[in-house]
PDB file of N, CA and C in Angstrom:
ATOM      1  N   MET A   1       0.935  -1.223  -0.269  1.00  0.00           N
ATOM      2  CA  MET A   1      -0.074  -0.142  -0.312  1.00  0.00           C
ATOM      3  C   MET A   1       0.933   1.168  -0.237  1.00  0.00           C
ATOM      4  N   GLY A   2       0.028   2.474  -0.885  1.00  0.00           N
ATOM      5  CA  GLY A   2       1.243   3.192  -0.723  1.00  0.00           C
ATOM      6  C   GLY A   2       0.435   4.542   0.243  1.00  0.00           C
ATOM      7  N   LEU A   3       1.667   5.486   0.362  1.00  0.00           N
ATOM      8  CA  LEU A   3       0.814   6.386   1.166  1.00  0.00           C
ATOM      9  C   LEU A   3      -0.584   6.725   0.558  1.00  0.00           C
ATOM     10  N   GLY A   4      -1.261   6.959   1.669  1.00  0.00           N
ATOM     11  CA  GLY A   4      -2.622   7.562   1.792  1.00  0.00           C
ATOM     12  C   GLY A   4      -3.147   6.471   1.067  1.00  0.00           C
ATOM     13  N   ASP A   5      -3.301   5.420   0.779  1.00  0.00           N
ATOM     14  CA  ASP A   5      -3.616   4.306   0.428  1.00  0.00           C
ATOM     15  C   ASP A   5      -4.594   3.471   1.256  1.00  0.00           C
ATOM     16  N   HIS A   6      -3.770   3.493   2.843  1.00  0.00           N
ATOM     17  CA  HIS A   6      -4.778   3.057   3.738  1.00  0.00           C
ATOM     18  C   HIS A   6      -5.966   3.588   4.070  1.00  0.00           C
ATOM     19  N   PRO A   7      -6.903   2.481   4.634  1.00  0.00           N
ATOM     20  CA  PRO A   7      -8.559   2.806   4.947  1.00  0.00           C
ATOM     21  C   PRO A   7      -7.999   3.913   6.218  1.00  0.00           C
ATOM     22  N   MET A   8      -9.247   4.636   6.063  1.00  0.00           N
ATOM     23  CA  MET A   8      -9.387   5.509   6.749  1.00  0.00           C
ATOM     24  C   MET A   8      -9.530   4.763   8.744  1.00  0.00           C
ATOM     25  N   ARG A   9      -8.836   4.979   9.688  1.00  0.00           N
ATOM     26  CA  ARG A   9      -8.073   4.799  10.828  1.00  0.00           C
ATOM     27  C   ARG A   9      -9.065   5.472  11.590  1.00  0.00           C
ATOM     28  N   THR A  10      -9.300   6.660  11.648  1.00  0.00           N
ATOM     29  CA  THR A  10      -9.796   7.437  12.633  1.00  0.00           C
ATOM     30  C   THR A  10     -10.615   7.426  13.204  1.00  0.00           C
ATOM     31  N   PRO A  11     -12.060   6.673  12.951  1.00  0.00           N
ATOM     32  CA  PRO A  11     -13.243   6.175  13.340  1.00  0.00           C
ATOM     33  C   PRO A  11     -12.749   5.117  14.597  1.00  0.00           C
ATOM     34  N   PHE A  12     -11.951   3.924  13.678  1.00  0.00           N
ATOM     35  CA  PHE A  12     -11.501   3.035  15.107  1.00  0.00           C
ATOM     36  C   PHE A  12     -10.957   3.738  15.861  1.00  0.00           C
ATOM     37  N   TYR A  13      -9.891   4.736  16.248  1.00  0.00           N
ATOM     38  CA  TYR A  13      -9.419   5.824  17.158  1.00  0.00           C
ATOM     39  C   TYR A  13      -9.875   6.078  17.986  1.00  0.00           C
ATOM     40  N   GLY A  14     -11.078   6.716  17.645  1.00  0.00           N
ATOM     41  CA  GLY A  14     -12.553   7.306  18.244  1.00  0.00           C
ATOM     42  C   GLY A  14     -13.120   6.402  19.223  1.00  0.00           C
ATOM     43  N   VAL A  15     -13.335   5.122  18.529  1.00  0.00           N
ATOM     44  CA  VAL A  15     -13.907   4.034  19.108  1.00  0.00           C
ATOM     45  C   VAL A  15     -12.818   3.352  20.715  1.00  0.00           C
ATOM     46  N   LEU A  16     -11.656   3.744  20.282  1.00  0.00           N
ATOM     47  CA  LEU A  16     -10.625   3.048  21.120  1.00  0.00           C
ATOM     48  C   LEU A  16     -11.062   4.307  22.871  1.00  0.00           C
ATOM     49  N   VAL A  17     -10.620   5.269  21.812  1.00  0.00           N
ATOM     50  CA  VAL A  17     -10.745   6.678  22.976  1.00  0.00           C
ATOM     51  C   VAL A  17     -11.864   6.588  23.588  1.00  0.00           C
ATOM     52  N   VAL A  18     -13.262   6.337  22.935  1.00  0.00           N
ATOM     53  CA  VAL A  18     -14.563   5.947  23.691  1.00  0.00           C
ATOM     54  C   VAL A  18     -14.280   4.945  25.065  1.00  0.00           C
ATOM     55  N   ILE A  19     -14.207   4.348  24.647  1.00  0.00           N
ATOM     56  CA  ILE A  19     -13.314   2.927  25.108  1.00  0.00           C
ATOM     57  C   ILE A  19     -12.687   3.180  26.341  1.00  0.00           C
ATOM     58  N   ALA A  20     -11.400   4.196  26.379  1.00  0.00           N
ATOM     59  CA  ALA A  20     -10.531   4.346  27.212  1.00  0.00           C
ATOM     60  C   ALA A  20     -11.550   5.420  28.625  1.00  0.00           C
ATOM     61  N   ALA A  21     -12.500   6.156  27.726  1.00  0.00           N
ATOM     62  CA  ALA A  21     -13.283   7.055  28.395  1.00  0.00           C
ATOM     63  C   ALA A  21     -13.592   6.294  29.642  1.00  0.00           C
ATOM     64  N   VAL A  22     -14.371   5.280  28.929  1.00  0.00           N
ATOM     65  CA  VAL A  22     -15.411   4.278  30.182  1.00  0.00           C
ATOM     66  C   VAL A  22     -14.207   3.439  31.109  1.00  0.00           C
ATOM     67  N   LEU A  23     -13.245   3.353  30.489  1.00  0.00           N
ATOM     68  CA  LEU A  23     -12.551   2.575  31.519  1.00  0.00           C
ATOM     69  C   LEU A  23     -12.036   3.435  32.511  1.00  0.00           C
ATOM     70  N   LEU A  24     -11.592   5.163  32.241  1.00  0.00           N
ATOM     71  CA  LEU A  24     -11.363   6.231  33.134  1.00  0.00           C
ATOM     72  C   LEU A  24     -12.183   5.977  33.881  1.00  0.00           C
ATOM     73  N   VAL A  25     -13.698   5.957  33.540  1.00  0.00           N
ATOM     74  CA  VAL A  25     -14.900   6.178  34.458  1.00  0.00           C
ATOM     75  C   VAL A  25     -14.633   5.077  35.953  1.00  0.00           C
ATOM     76  N   TRP A  26     -14.416   3.688  35.012  1.00  0.00           N
ATOM     77  CA  TRP A  26     -14.635   2.611  36.160  1.00  0.00           C
ATOM     78  C   TRP A  26     -13.673   3.008  37.001  1.00  0.00           C
ATOM     79  N   LEU A  27     -12.177   3.494  36.363  1.00  0.00           N
ATOM     80  CA  LEU A  27     -10.745   3.480  37.392  1.00  0.00           C
ATOM     81  C   LEU A  27     -11.421   5.000  38.416  1.00  0.00           C
ATOM     82  N   VAL A  28     -11.797   5.739  38.318  1.00  0.00           N
ATOM     83  CA  VAL A  28     -12.377   6.896  38.459  1.00  0.00           C
ATOM     84  C   VAL A  28     -13.382   6.363  40.117  1.00  0.00           C
ATOM     85  N   ALA A  29     -13.971   5.641  39.517  1.00  0.00           N
ATOM     86  CA  ALA A  29     -15.393   5.333  40.652  1.00  0.00           C
ATOM     87  C   ALA A  29     -14.810   4.012  42.066  1.00  0.00           C
ATOM     88  N   SER A  30     -14.022   3.525  41.177  1.00  0.00           N
ATOM     89  CA  SER A  30     -13.431   2.553  42.130  1.00  0.00           C
ATOM     90  C   SER A  30     -12.235   2.625  43.125  1.00  0.00           C
ATOM     91  N   VAL A  31     -11.624   3.898  42.867  1.00  0.00           N
ATOM     92  CA  VAL A  31     -10.456   4.579  43.293  1.00  0.00           C
ATOM     93  C   VAL A  31     -10.364   6.034  44.443  1.00  0.00           C
ATOM     94  N   LEU A  32     -11.479   6.871  43.275  1.00  0.00           N
ATOM     95  CA  LEU A  32     -11.282   8.268  43.977  1.00  0.00           C
ATOM     96  C   LEU A  32     -12.900   8.485  44.517  1.00  0.00           C
ATOM     97  N   THR A  33     -12.389   9.367  45.518  1.00  0.00           N
ATOM     98  CA  THR A  33     -13.508  10.022  46.199  1.00  0.00           C
ATOM     99  C   THR A  33     -13.638  11.256  46.137  1.00  0.00           C
ATOM    100  N   GLY A  34     -14.726  12.024  46.411  1.00  0.00           N
ATOM    101  CA  GLY A  34     -14.577  13.491  46.872  1.00  0.00           C
ATOM    102  C   GLY A  34     -14.395  14.566  45.607  1.00  0.00           C
ATOM    103  N   TRP A  35     -13.783  15.822  45.689  1.00  0.00           N
ATOM    104  CA  TRP A  35     -13.681  16.757  44.226  1.00  0.00           C
ATOM    105  C   TRP A  35     -12.716  15.886  43.703  1.00  0.00           C
ATOM    106  N   HIS A  36     -11.752  14.988  43.767  1.00  0.00           N
ATOM    107  CA  HIS A  36     -10.981  14.301  42.857  1.00  0.00           C
ATOM    108  C   HIS A  36     -11.639  13.627  42.085  1.00  0.00           C
ATOM    109  N   ALA A  37     -13.007  12.554  42.569  1.00  0.00           N
ATOM    110  CA  ALA A  37     -13.746  12.205  41.775  1.00  0.00           C
ATOM    111  C   ALA A  37     -14.402  12.582  40.585  1.00  0.00           C
ATOM    112  N   ALA A  38     -15.021  14.024  41.120  1.00  0.00           N
ATOM    113  CA  ALA A  38     -15.298  15.188  40.490  1.00  0.00           C
ATOM    114  C   ALA A  38     -14.546  15.584  39.121  1.00  0.00           C
ATOM    115  N   VAL A  39     -13.446  15.782  39.432  1.00  0.00           N
ATOM    116  CA  VAL A  39     -12.158  16.291  38.442  1.00  0.00           C
ATOM    117  C   VAL A  39     -12.216  14.673  37.323  1.00  0.00           C
ATOM    118  N   GLY A  40     -11.913  13.693  38.346  1.00  0.00           N
ATOM    119  CA  GLY A  40     -11.591  12.445  37.217  1.00  0.00           C
ATOM    120  C   GLY A  40     -12.925  11.808  36.209  1.00  0.00           C
ATOM    121  N   TYR A  41     -14.342  12.540  36.756  1.00  0.00           N
ATOM    122  CA  TYR A  41     -15.610  12.479  35.390  1.00  0.00           C
ATOM    123  C   TYR A  41     -15.035  13.819  34.550  1.00  0.00           C
ATOM    124  N   ILE A  42     -14.741  14.996  35.341  1.00  0.00           N
ATOM    125  CA  ILE A  42     -15.089  15.690  34.170  1.00  0.00           C
ATOM    126  C   ILE A  42     -14.082  15.575  32.851  1.00  0.00           C
ATOM    127  N   VAL A  43     -12.858  15.020  33.305  1.00  0.00           N
ATOM    128  CA  VAL A  43     -11.902  14.609  32.291  1.00  0.00           C
ATOM    129  C   VAL A  43     -12.271  13.196  31.548  1.00  0.00           C
ATOM    130  N   ALA A  44     -13.034  12.214  32.283  1.00  0.00           N
ATOM    131  CA  ALA A  44     -13.661  11.646  31.518  1.00  0.00           C
ATOM    132  C   ALA A  44     -14.415  11.525  30.080  1.00  0.00           C
ATOM    133  N   ILE A  45     -15.475  12.681  31.036  1.00  0.00           N
ATOM    134  CA  ILE A  45     -16.288  13.338  30.180  1.00  0.00           C
ATOM    135  C   ILE A  45     -15.601  14.045  28.414  1.00  0.00           C
ATOM    136  N   LEU A  46     -14.674  14.657  28.378  1.00  0.00           N
ATOM    137  CA  LEU A  46     -13.957  15.489  27.921  1.00  0.00           C
ATOM    138  C   LEU A  46     -13.198  14.551  26.900  1.00  0.00           C
ATOM    139  N   VAL A  47     -12.631  13.532  26.962  1.00  0.00           N
ATOM    140  CA  VAL A  47     -12.310  12.109  26.469  1.00  0.00           C
ATOM    141  C   VAL A  47     -13.140  11.364  25.916  1.00  0.00           C
ATOM    142  N   GLY A  48     -14.426  11.304  26.509  1.00  0.00           N
ATOM    143  CA  GLY A  48     -15.382  10.788  25.407  1.00  0.00           C
ATOM    144  C   GLY A  48     -15.938  11.015  24.380  1.00  0.00           C
ATOM    145  N   GLY A  49     -15.987  13.251  24.914  1.00  0.00           N
ATOM    146  CA  GLY A  49     -16.687  13.807  23.552  1.00  0.00           C
ATOM    147  C   GLY A  49     -15.442  14.080  22.232  1.00  0.00           C
ATOM    148  N   VAL A  50     -14.109  14.212  22.811  1.00  0.00           N
ATOM    149  CA  VAL A  50     -13.059  14.215  21.965  1.00  0.00           C
ATOM    150  C   VAL A  50     -13.327  12.434  21.134  1.00  0.00           C
ATOM    151  N   GLY A  51     -13.355  11.426  21.703  1.00  0.00           N
ATOM    152  CA  GLY A  51     -13.615  10.161  20.789  1.00  0.00           C
ATOM    153  C   GLY A  51     -14.603  10.309  20.129  1.00  0.00           C
ATOM    154  N   PHE A  52     -15.834  10.609  20.738  1.00  0.00           N
ATOM    155  CA  PHE A  52     -17.504  11.144  19.655  1.00  0.00           C
ATOM    156  C   PHE A  52     -16.860  11.871  18.452  1.00  0.00           C
ATOM    157  N   VAL A  53     -16.119  12.523  18.867  1.00  0.00           N
ATOM    158  CA  VAL A  53     -16.043  13.318  17.381  1.00  0.00           C
ATOM    159  C   VAL A  53     -15.385  12.883  16.514  1.00  0.00           C
ATOM    160  N   MET A  54     -14.160  12.037  16.978  1.00  0.00           N
ATOM    161  CA  MET A  54     -13.257  11.318  16.214  1.00  0.00           C
ATOM    162  C   MET A  54     -13.681  10.320  15.461  1.00  0.00           C
ATOM    163  N   THR A  55     -15.244   9.471  16.098  1.00  0.00           N
ATOM    164  CA  THR A  55     -15.482   8.346  15.481  1.00  0.00           C
ATOM    165  C   THR A  55     -16.312   8.965  13.987  1.00  0.00           C
ATOM    166  N   LEU A  56     -17.464   9.923  14.304  1.00  0.00           N
ATOM    167  CA  LEU A  56     -18.281  10.525  13.272  1.00  0.00           C
ATOM    168  C   LEU A  56     -17.673  11.640  12.271  1.00  0.00           C
ATOM    169  N   ARG A  57     -16.130  11.380  12.524  1.00  0.00           N
ATOM    170  CA  ARG A  57     -15.642  12.683  12.162  1.00  0.00           C
ATOM    171  C   ARG A  57     -15.427  12.807  10.254  1.00  0.00           C
ATOM    172  N   ASP A  58     -15.536  10.853   9.749  1.00  0.00           N
ATOM    173  CA  ASP A  58     -15.228  10.929   8.708  1.00  0.00           C
ATOM    174  C   ASP A  58     -16.717  10.485   7.831  1.00  0.00           C
ATOM    175  N   TYR A  59     -17.806  11.159   8.901  1.00  0.00           N
ATOM    176  CA  TYR A  59     -19.323  10.956   8.035  1.00  0.00           C
ATOM    177  C   TYR A  59     -19.156  12.088   7.441  1.00  0.00           C
ATOM    178  N   ASP A  60     -20.363  12.280   6.386  1.00  0.00           N
ATOM    179  CA  ASP A  60     -20.429  13.450   5.782  1.00  0.00           C
ATOM    180  C   ASP A  60     -21.061  14.452   5.933  1.00  0.00           C
ATOM    181  N   ASP A  61     -20.519  15.637   6.322  1.00  0.00           N
ATOM    182  CA  ASP A  61     -20.799  16.788   6.603  1.00  0.00           C
ATOM    183  C   ASP A  61     -21.004  16.643   8.221  1.00  0.00           C
ATOM    184  N   PHE A  62     -20.420  16.289   8.588  1.00  0.00           N
ATOM    185  CA  PHE A  62     -20.186  15.758  10.156  1.00  0.00           C
ATOM    186  C   PHE A  62     -19.728  16.903  10.720  1.00  0.00           C
ATOM    187  N   PRO A  63     -19.940  18.113  11.555  1.00  0.00           N
ATOM    188  CA  PRO A  63     -21.595  18.125  12.551  1.00  0.00           C
ATOM    189  C   PRO A  63     -22.772  19.010  12.392  1.00  0.00           C
ATOM    190  N   HIS A  64     -22.398  19.025  10.592  1.00  0.00           N
ATOM    191  CA  HIS A  64     -23.574  20.038  10.185  1.00  0.00           C
ATOM    192  C   HIS A  64     -24.998  18.816   9.552  1.00  0.00           C
ATOM    193  N   TRP A  65     -25.594  18.156  10.342  1.00  0.00           N
ATOM    194  CA  TRP A  65     -26.174  16.945   9.340  1.00  0.00           C
ATOM    195  C   TRP A  65     -27.651  17.903   9.195  1.00  0.00           C
ATOM    196  N   ARG A  66     -27.727  18.929   9.490  1.00  0.00           N
ATOM    197  CA  ARG A  66     -29.175  19.583   9.561  1.00  0.00           C
ATOM    198  C   ARG A  66     -28.651  20.748   9.421  1.00  0.00           C
ATOM    199  N   ARG A  67     -29.759  20.766   8.402  1.00  0.00           N
ATOM    200  CA  ARG A  67     -29.308  22.730   7.996  1.00  0.00           C
ATOM    201  C   ARG A  67     -30.319  23.524   7.904  1.00  0.00           C
TER     202      ARG A  67
END
């Protein structure tokens, strides 16, 4: 395969980032308490949002589905 001939891998990486966010929530729930847990949940939400955008970025005209 030449340069640029490989399939788009960004959606796959986005799914991996979403899975990492789920694992981060599990880790925060089992280890942290108090405001540390709140910070951990906020980080997990941000990581999950990045993964969501990466997963859907190759669809036609995302995020402008409706005009």
